[in-house]
Amino acid sequence: MTFESTHALVEQVALAVNELRITLENHALPGLETAILNSQMALKGLESHPGGVDGLKQLIATYPQEQQKQLNDRLAQARSDHQLNGELIRLAMQRNAALQAYAAQSSAGATYSSEGGVSFLGGGQLLGKF
């Protein structure tokens, strides 16, 4: 595999994971599905590399020092973005649960119905911006 093809693979992963991070940080729900799919496709491409991530690391080790640094820096940034994405998704899920609980408690049915309960709004979908 040439440096150019390795660089293209690493760049695809880094850009897709970064796009997802930006989408999550901006609470851009309309672009979330596309960003998640792009990130998943890029990560699958990385996994399908001969030897997976370990194989890619071994390949990178065969390149000159400057190229190794360039690729490893991009992989480190992608790893950092990927970890941050997981945390942002967890926070969004917590916020969504809090919004659903607030909406359920704030409804007239929660206060005045004989059952005293309200089903989740929107079937568990994210309410507005997360």
N, C-alpha and C. Protein backbone atom coordinates (compact mmCIF):
# COMPACT_ATOMS: atom_id res chain seq x y z
N MET A 1 0.86 -1.17 0.00
CA MET A 1 0.00 0.00 0.00
C MET A 1 0.90 1.23 0.00
N THR A 2 0.60 2.18 -0.84
CA THR A 2 1.42 3.38 -0.95
C THR A 2 1.09 4.36 0.17
N PHE A 3 1.99 5.32 0.35
CA PHE A 3 1.75 6.36 1.35
C PHE A 3 0.48 7.13 1.02
N GLU A 4 0.25 7.40 -0.27
CA GLU A 4 -0.92 8.18 -0.68
C GLU A 4 -2.22 7.46 -0.32
N SER A 5 -2.27 6.15 -0.54
CA SER A 5 -3.50 5.42 -0.21
C SER A 5 -3.67 5.30 1.30
N THR A 6 -2.57 5.14 2.02
CA THR A 6 -2.65 5.10 3.49
C THR A 6 -3.10 6.46 4.01
N HIS A 7 -2.54 7.51 3.46
CA HIS A 7 -2.91 8.87 3.86
C HIS A 7 -4.39 9.12 3.58
N ALA A 8 -4.88 8.66 2.43
CA ALA A 8 -6.29 8.84 2.08
C ALA A 8 -7.20 8.12 3.08
N LEU A 9 -6.83 6.93 3.49
CA LEU A 9 -7.61 6.17 4.47
C LEU A 9 -7.63 6.89 5.82
N VAL A 10 -6.47 7.30 6.28
CA VAL A 10 -6.37 7.99 7.57
C VAL A 10 -7.15 9.30 7.51
N GLU A 11 -7.02 10.01 6.42
CA GLU A 11 -7.72 11.29 6.27
C GLU A 11 -9.23 11.10 6.23
N GLN A 12 -9.69 10.05 5.57
CA GLN A 12 -11.13 9.77 5.52
C GLN A 12 -11.68 9.54 6.92
N VAL A 13 -10.97 8.76 7.71
CA VAL A 13 -11.39 8.49 9.09
C VAL A 13 -11.37 9.77 9.91
N ALA A 14 -10.28 10.51 9.82
CA ALA A 14 -10.14 11.73 10.62
C ALA A 14 -11.22 12.75 10.28
N LEU A 15 -11.49 12.93 9.00
CA LEU A 15 -12.51 13.90 8.58
C LEU A 15 -13.91 13.48 9.00
N ALA A 16 -14.23 12.20 8.85
CA ALA A 16 -15.56 11.72 9.20
C ALA A 16 -15.82 11.83 10.70
N VAL A 17 -14.83 11.46 11.51
CA VAL A 17 -14.99 11.54 12.96
C VAL A 17 -15.06 13.00 13.41
N ASN A 18 -14.28 13.86 12.76
CA ASN A 18 -14.31 15.29 13.07
C ASN A 18 -15.65 15.90 12.69
N GLU A 19 -16.20 15.50 11.54
CA GLU A 19 -17.52 15.99 11.11
C GLU A 19 -18.59 15.62 12.13
N LEU A 20 -18.52 14.40 12.64
CA LEU A 20 -19.49 13.98 13.65
C LEU A 20 -19.33 14.79 14.93
N ARG A 21 -18.09 15.06 15.33
CA ARG A 21 -17.86 15.87 16.53
C ARG A 21 -18.45 17.26 16.38
N ILE A 22 -18.22 17.88 15.25
CA ILE A 22 -18.75 19.22 15.00
C ILE A 22 -20.27 19.20 14.98
N THR A 23 -20.85 18.20 14.36
CA THR A 23 -22.31 18.07 14.31
C THR A 23 -22.88 17.93 15.72
N LEU A 24 -22.25 17.11 16.54
CA LEU A 24 -22.71 16.91 17.92
C LEU A 24 -22.54 18.19 18.75
N GLU A 25 -21.42 18.86 18.58
CA GLU A 25 -21.17 20.08 19.35
C GLU A 25 -22.15 21.19 18.99
N ASN A 26 -22.55 21.23 17.73
CA ASN A 26 -23.47 22.28 17.27
C ASN A 26 -24.93 21.89 17.41
N HIS A 27 -25.19 20.70 17.94
CA HIS A 27 -26.56 20.21 18.10
C HIS A 27 -27.31 20.27 16.77
N ALA A 28 -26.63 19.92 15.69
CA ALA A 28 -27.19 19.99 14.35
C ALA A 28 -27.90 18.68 14.02
N LEU A 29 -29.12 18.55 14.52
CA LEU A 29 -29.87 17.30 14.33
C LEU A 29 -30.09 16.93 12.87
N PRO A 30 -30.37 17.87 11.98
CA PRO A 30 -30.61 17.46 10.59
C PRO A 30 -29.41 16.74 9.96
N GLY A 31 -28.19 17.08 10.35
CA GLY A 31 -27.01 16.44 9.77
C GLY A 31 -26.47 15.28 10.57
N LEU A 32 -27.12 14.96 11.67
CA LEU A 32 -26.59 13.93 12.57
C LEU A 32 -26.57 12.55 11.94
N GLU A 33 -27.65 12.17 11.29
CA GLU A 33 -27.70 10.82 10.70
C GLU A 33 -26.61 10.63 9.66
N THR A 34 -26.42 11.62 8.79
CA THR A 34 -25.39 11.54 7.76
C THR A 34 -24.00 11.48 8.39
N ALA A 35 -23.77 12.31 9.40
CA ALA A 35 -22.46 12.32 10.06
C ALA A 35 -22.17 10.98 10.73
N ILE A 36 -23.17 10.40 11.36
CA ILE A 36 -22.98 9.08 12.00
C ILE A 36 -22.67 8.02 10.95
N LEU A 37 -23.42 8.02 9.85
CA LEU A 37 -23.18 7.03 8.79
C LEU A 37 -21.79 7.19 8.18
N ASN A 38 -21.38 8.43 7.92
CA ASN A 38 -20.05 8.67 7.35
C ASN A 38 -18.96 8.19 8.31
N SER A 39 -19.15 8.45 9.59
CA SER A 39 -18.19 8.02 10.59
C SER A 39 -18.12 6.49 10.65
N GLN A 40 -19.27 5.84 10.64
CA GLN A 40 -19.30 4.38 10.69
C GLN A 40 -18.63 3.77 9.44
N MET A 41 -18.90 4.35 8.29
CA MET A 41 -18.30 3.83 7.04
C MET A 41 -16.78 3.99 7.07
N ALA A 42 -16.31 5.14 7.54
CA ALA A 42 -14.87 5.38 7.60
C ALA A 42 -14.21 4.41 8.59
N LEU A 43 -14.84 4.20 9.73
CA LEU A 43 -14.27 3.28 10.72
C LEU A 43 -14.29 1.84 10.22
N LYS A 44 -15.32 1.47 9.45
CA LYS A 44 -15.35 0.13 8.86
C LYS A 44 -14.22 -0.02 7.84
N GLY A 45 -13.95 1.05 7.10
CA GLY A 45 -12.83 1.02 6.16
C GLY A 45 -11.51 0.81 6.87
N LEU A 46 -11.37 1.43 8.02
CA LEU A 46 -10.17 1.26 8.83
C LEU A 46 -10.07 -0.17 9.35
N GLU A 47 -11.19 -0.72 9.80
CA GLU A 47 -11.20 -2.09 10.31
C GLU A 47 -10.93 -3.12 9.21
N SER A 48 -11.35 -2.80 7.97
CA SER A 48 -11.16 -3.76 6.88
C SER A 48 -9.76 -3.70 6.28
N HIS A 49 -8.94 -2.77 6.74
CA HIS A 49 -7.55 -2.72 6.29
C HIS A 49 -6.88 -4.04 6.68
N PRO A 50 -6.02 -4.59 5.84
CA PRO A 50 -5.35 -5.85 6.19
C PRO A 50 -4.66 -5.76 7.55
N GLY A 51 -5.10 -6.57 8.47
CA GLY A 51 -4.55 -6.54 9.82
C GLY A 51 -5.26 -5.55 10.73
N GLY A 52 -6.28 -4.86 10.20
CA GLY A 52 -7.04 -3.90 11.00
C GLY A 52 -6.19 -2.72 11.42
N VAL A 53 -6.49 -2.17 12.56
CA VAL A 53 -5.77 -1.00 13.07
C VAL A 53 -4.31 -1.35 13.34
N ASP A 54 -4.08 -2.53 13.89
CA ASP A 54 -2.69 -2.95 14.16
C ASP A 54 -1.90 -3.07 12.87
N GLY A 55 -2.53 -3.61 11.83
CA GLY A 55 -1.88 -3.71 10.53
C GLY A 55 -1.55 -2.35 9.95
N LEU A 56 -2.46 -1.38 10.16
CA LEU A 56 -2.22 -0.03 9.68
C LEU A 56 -1.05 0.60 10.44
N LYS A 57 -0.99 0.38 11.74
CA LYS A 57 0.12 0.91 12.54
C LYS A 57 1.45 0.32 12.08
N GLN A 58 1.45 -0.99 11.78
CA GLN A 58 2.67 -1.63 11.30
C GLN A 58 3.08 -1.05 9.94
N LEU A 59 2.09 -0.80 9.09
CA LEU A 59 2.39 -0.22 7.79
C LEU A 59 2.96 1.19 7.95
N ILE A 60 2.36 1.97 8.81
CA ILE A 60 2.83 3.34 9.04
C ILE A 60 4.27 3.32 9.53
N ALA A 61 4.64 2.33 10.34
CA ALA A 61 6.00 2.24 10.86
C ALA A 61 7.04 2.01 9.76
N THR A 62 6.61 1.59 8.57
CA THR A 62 7.55 1.36 7.48
C THR A 62 7.85 2.63 6.68
N TYR A 63 7.09 3.68 6.90
CA TYR A 63 7.29 4.93 6.16
C TYR A 63 8.38 5.78 6.81
N PRO A 64 8.91 6.74 6.05
CA PRO A 64 9.90 7.66 6.64
C PRO A 64 9.31 8.40 7.85
N GLN A 65 10.20 8.84 8.73
CA GLN A 65 9.80 9.45 10.00
C GLN A 65 8.80 10.59 9.82
N GLU A 66 9.01 11.45 8.87
CA GLU A 66 8.12 12.60 8.67
C GLU A 66 6.70 12.14 8.28
N GLN A 67 6.62 11.15 7.42
CA GLN A 67 5.32 10.62 7.02
C GLN A 67 4.65 9.88 8.19
N GLN A 68 5.45 9.16 8.98
CA GLN A 68 4.91 8.50 10.17
C GLN A 68 4.28 9.52 11.11
N LYS A 69 4.98 10.62 11.34
CA LYS A 69 4.47 11.65 12.25
C LYS A 69 3.18 12.24 11.72
N GLN A 70 3.14 12.51 10.43
CA GLN A 70 1.95 13.09 9.81
C GLN A 70 0.74 12.16 10.00
N LEU A 71 0.91 10.89 9.70
CA LEU A 71 -0.19 9.93 9.81
C LEU A 71 -0.57 9.67 11.26
N ASN A 72 0.42 9.51 12.12
CA ASN A 72 0.13 9.25 13.53
C ASN A 72 -0.55 10.43 14.21
N ASP A 73 -0.18 11.65 13.81
CA ASP A 73 -0.85 12.84 14.36
C ASP A 73 -2.32 12.87 13.97
N ARG A 74 -2.61 12.53 12.72
CA ARG A 74 -4.02 12.52 12.27
C ARG A 74 -4.80 11.41 12.96
N LEU A 75 -4.17 10.25 13.15
CA LEU A 75 -4.84 9.16 13.86
C LEU A 75 -5.08 9.54 15.33
N ALA A 76 -4.14 10.22 15.94
CA ALA A 76 -4.31 10.65 17.33
C ALA A 76 -5.47 11.63 17.43
N GLN A 77 -5.58 12.55 16.47
CA GLN A 77 -6.69 13.51 16.48
C GLN A 77 -8.02 12.78 16.26
N ALA A 78 -8.03 11.82 15.37
CA ALA A 78 -9.26 11.04 15.13
C ALA A 78 -9.64 10.25 16.37
N ARG A 79 -8.67 9.67 17.07
CA ARG A 79 -8.94 8.93 18.30
C ARG A 79 -9.53 9.86 19.36
N SER A 80 -8.96 11.03 19.49
CA SER A 80 -9.45 12.01 20.46
C SER A 80 -10.88 12.44 20.12
N ASP A 81 -11.12 12.74 18.84
CA ASP A 81 -12.47 13.13 18.41
C ASP A 81 -13.47 12.00 18.65
N HIS A 82 -13.04 10.77 18.39
CA HIS A 82 -13.92 9.60 18.57
C HIS A 82 -14.32 9.45 20.04
N GLN A 83 -13.37 9.62 20.94
CA GLN A 83 -13.66 9.53 22.37
C GLN A 83 -14.58 10.67 22.80
N LEU A 84 -14.33 11.86 22.29
CA LEU A 84 -15.18 13.01 22.60
C LEU A 84 -16.60 12.79 22.07
N ASN A 85 -16.71 12.19 20.89
CA ASN A 85 -18.03 11.90 20.32
C ASN A 85 -18.83 10.99 21.25
N GLY A 86 -18.18 9.98 21.80
CA GLY A 86 -18.87 9.09 22.73
C GLY A 86 -19.40 9.85 23.93
N GLU A 87 -18.60 10.75 24.45
CA GLU A 87 -19.03 11.55 25.61
C GLU A 87 -20.16 12.50 25.23
N LEU A 88 -20.08 13.12 24.06
CA LEU A 88 -21.15 14.02 23.61
C LEU A 88 -22.46 13.28 23.40
N ILE A 89 -22.38 12.06 22.90
CA ILE A 89 -23.59 11.25 22.70
C ILE A 89 -24.19 10.88 24.05
N ARG A 90 -23.36 10.50 25.02
CA ARG A 90 -23.86 10.19 26.36
C ARG A 90 -24.55 11.40 26.98
N LEU A 91 -23.94 12.57 26.83
CA LEU A 91 -24.55 13.80 27.37
C LEU A 91 -25.88 14.10 26.68
N ALA A 92 -25.94 13.89 25.38
CA ALA A 92 -27.19 14.13 24.64
C ALA A 92 -28.28 13.19 25.12
N MET A 93 -27.93 11.94 25.39
CA MET A 93 -28.92 10.98 25.87
C MET A 93 -29.40 11.36 27.28
N GLN A 94 -28.50 11.83 28.13
CA GLN A 94 -28.90 12.27 29.46
C GLN A 94 -29.81 13.48 29.38
N ARG A 95 -29.46 14.41 28.51
CA ARG A 95 -30.29 15.60 28.35
C ARG A 95 -31.67 15.23 27.82
N ASN A 96 -31.71 14.32 26.87
CA ASN A 96 -32.98 13.87 26.31
C ASN A 96 -33.85 13.23 27.40
N ALA A 97 -33.25 12.40 28.23
CA ALA A 97 -34.00 11.77 29.31
C ALA A 97 -34.53 12.82 30.29
N ALA A 98 -33.72 13.82 30.58
CA ALA A 98 -34.16 14.88 31.48
C ALA A 98 -35.31 15.68 30.86
N LEU A 99 -35.21 15.97 29.56
CA LEU A 99 -36.29 16.70 28.88
C LEU A 99 -37.58 15.89 28.86
N GLN A 100 -37.46 14.59 28.65
CA GLN A 100 -38.66 13.75 28.66
C GLN A 100 -39.28 13.70 30.05
N ALA A 101 -38.45 13.61 31.08
CA ALA A 101 -38.98 13.59 32.45
C ALA A 101 -39.64 14.92 32.78
N TYR A 102 -39.02 16.01 32.37
CA TYR A 102 -39.59 17.34 32.61
C TYR A 102 -40.93 17.49 31.89
N ALA A 103 -40.96 17.05 30.62
CA ALA A 103 -42.20 17.15 29.84
C ALA A 103 -43.30 16.31 30.47
N ALA A 104 -42.95 15.13 30.97
CA ALA A 104 -43.95 14.26 31.59
C ALA A 104 -44.47 14.88 32.88
N GLN A 105 -43.61 15.46 33.67
CA GLN A 105 -44.04 16.07 34.93
C GLN A 105 -44.79 17.37 34.70
N SER A 106 -44.48 18.05 33.62
CA SER A 106 -45.12 19.34 33.35
C SER A 106 -46.48 19.21 32.69
N SER A 107 -46.83 18.04 32.21
CA SER A 107 -48.09 17.89 31.49
C SER A 107 -49.26 17.86 32.47
N ALA A 108 -50.41 18.27 31.97
CA ALA A 108 -51.61 18.26 32.79
C ALA A 108 -51.97 16.84 33.23
N GLY A 109 -51.70 15.86 32.38
CA GLY A 109 -52.02 14.47 32.70
C GLY A 109 -51.25 13.96 33.90
N ALA A 110 -50.01 14.44 34.07
CA ALA A 110 -49.21 13.98 35.21
C ALA A 110 -49.80 14.48 36.52
N THR A 111 -50.43 15.62 36.48
CA THR A 111 -50.99 16.21 37.70
C THR A 111 -52.43 15.83 37.92
N TYR A 112 -53.20 15.76 36.83
CA TYR A 112 -54.64 15.65 36.98
C TYR A 112 -55.24 14.32 36.57
N SER A 113 -54.51 13.42 35.95
CA SER A 113 -55.12 12.17 35.53
C SER A 113 -55.26 11.22 36.72
N SER A 114 -56.18 10.31 36.57
CA SER A 114 -56.39 9.35 37.65
C SER A 114 -55.20 8.39 37.76
N GLU A 115 -54.51 8.16 36.64
CA GLU A 115 -53.35 7.27 36.67
C GLU A 115 -52.11 8.00 37.17
N GLY A 116 -52.08 9.32 36.99
CA GLY A 116 -50.94 10.10 37.45
C GLY A 116 -49.70 9.93 36.61
N GLY A 117 -49.82 9.40 35.42
CA GLY A 117 -48.64 9.20 34.59
C GLY A 117 -48.86 9.65 33.17
N VAL A 118 -47.78 9.84 32.47
CA VAL A 118 -47.81 10.26 31.08
C VAL A 118 -46.81 9.39 30.32
N SER A 119 -47.22 8.92 29.17
CA SER A 119 -46.28 8.14 28.37
C SER A 119 -45.22 9.08 27.81
N PHE A 120 -44.07 8.49 27.43
CA PHE A 120 -43.00 9.31 26.88
C PHE A 120 -43.45 10.00 25.61
N LEU A 121 -43.07 11.22 25.47
CA LEU A 121 -43.42 12.00 24.29
C LEU A 121 -42.54 11.59 23.14
N GLY A 122 -43.10 11.53 21.96
CA GLY A 122 -42.32 11.26 20.76
C GLY A 122 -41.74 9.86 20.68
N GLY A 123 -42.20 8.95 21.49
CA GLY A 123 -41.74 7.57 21.40
C GLY A 123 -40.26 7.41 21.69
N GLY A 124 -39.69 8.29 22.52
CA GLY A 124 -38.29 8.16 22.87
C GLY A 124 -37.35 8.88 21.93
N GLN A 125 -37.86 9.65 20.99
CA GLN A 125 -37.00 10.40 20.09
C GLN A 125 -36.45 11.63 20.80
N LEU A 126 -35.37 12.14 20.27
CA LEU A 126 -34.80 13.35 20.85
C LEU A 126 -35.79 14.50 20.73
N LEU A 127 -35.93 15.25 21.79
CA LEU A 127 -36.84 16.38 21.79
C LEU A 127 -36.06 17.63 21.37
N GLY A 128 -36.38 18.18 20.24
CA GLY A 128 -35.73 19.41 19.80
C GLY A 128 -34.23 19.21 19.69
N LYS A 129 -33.51 20.20 20.13
CA LYS A 129 -32.06 20.08 20.16
C LYS A 129 -31.64 19.35 21.40
N PHE A 130 -30.62 18.53 21.28
CA PHE A 130 -30.15 17.81 22.46
C PHE A 130 -29.04 18.59 23.07
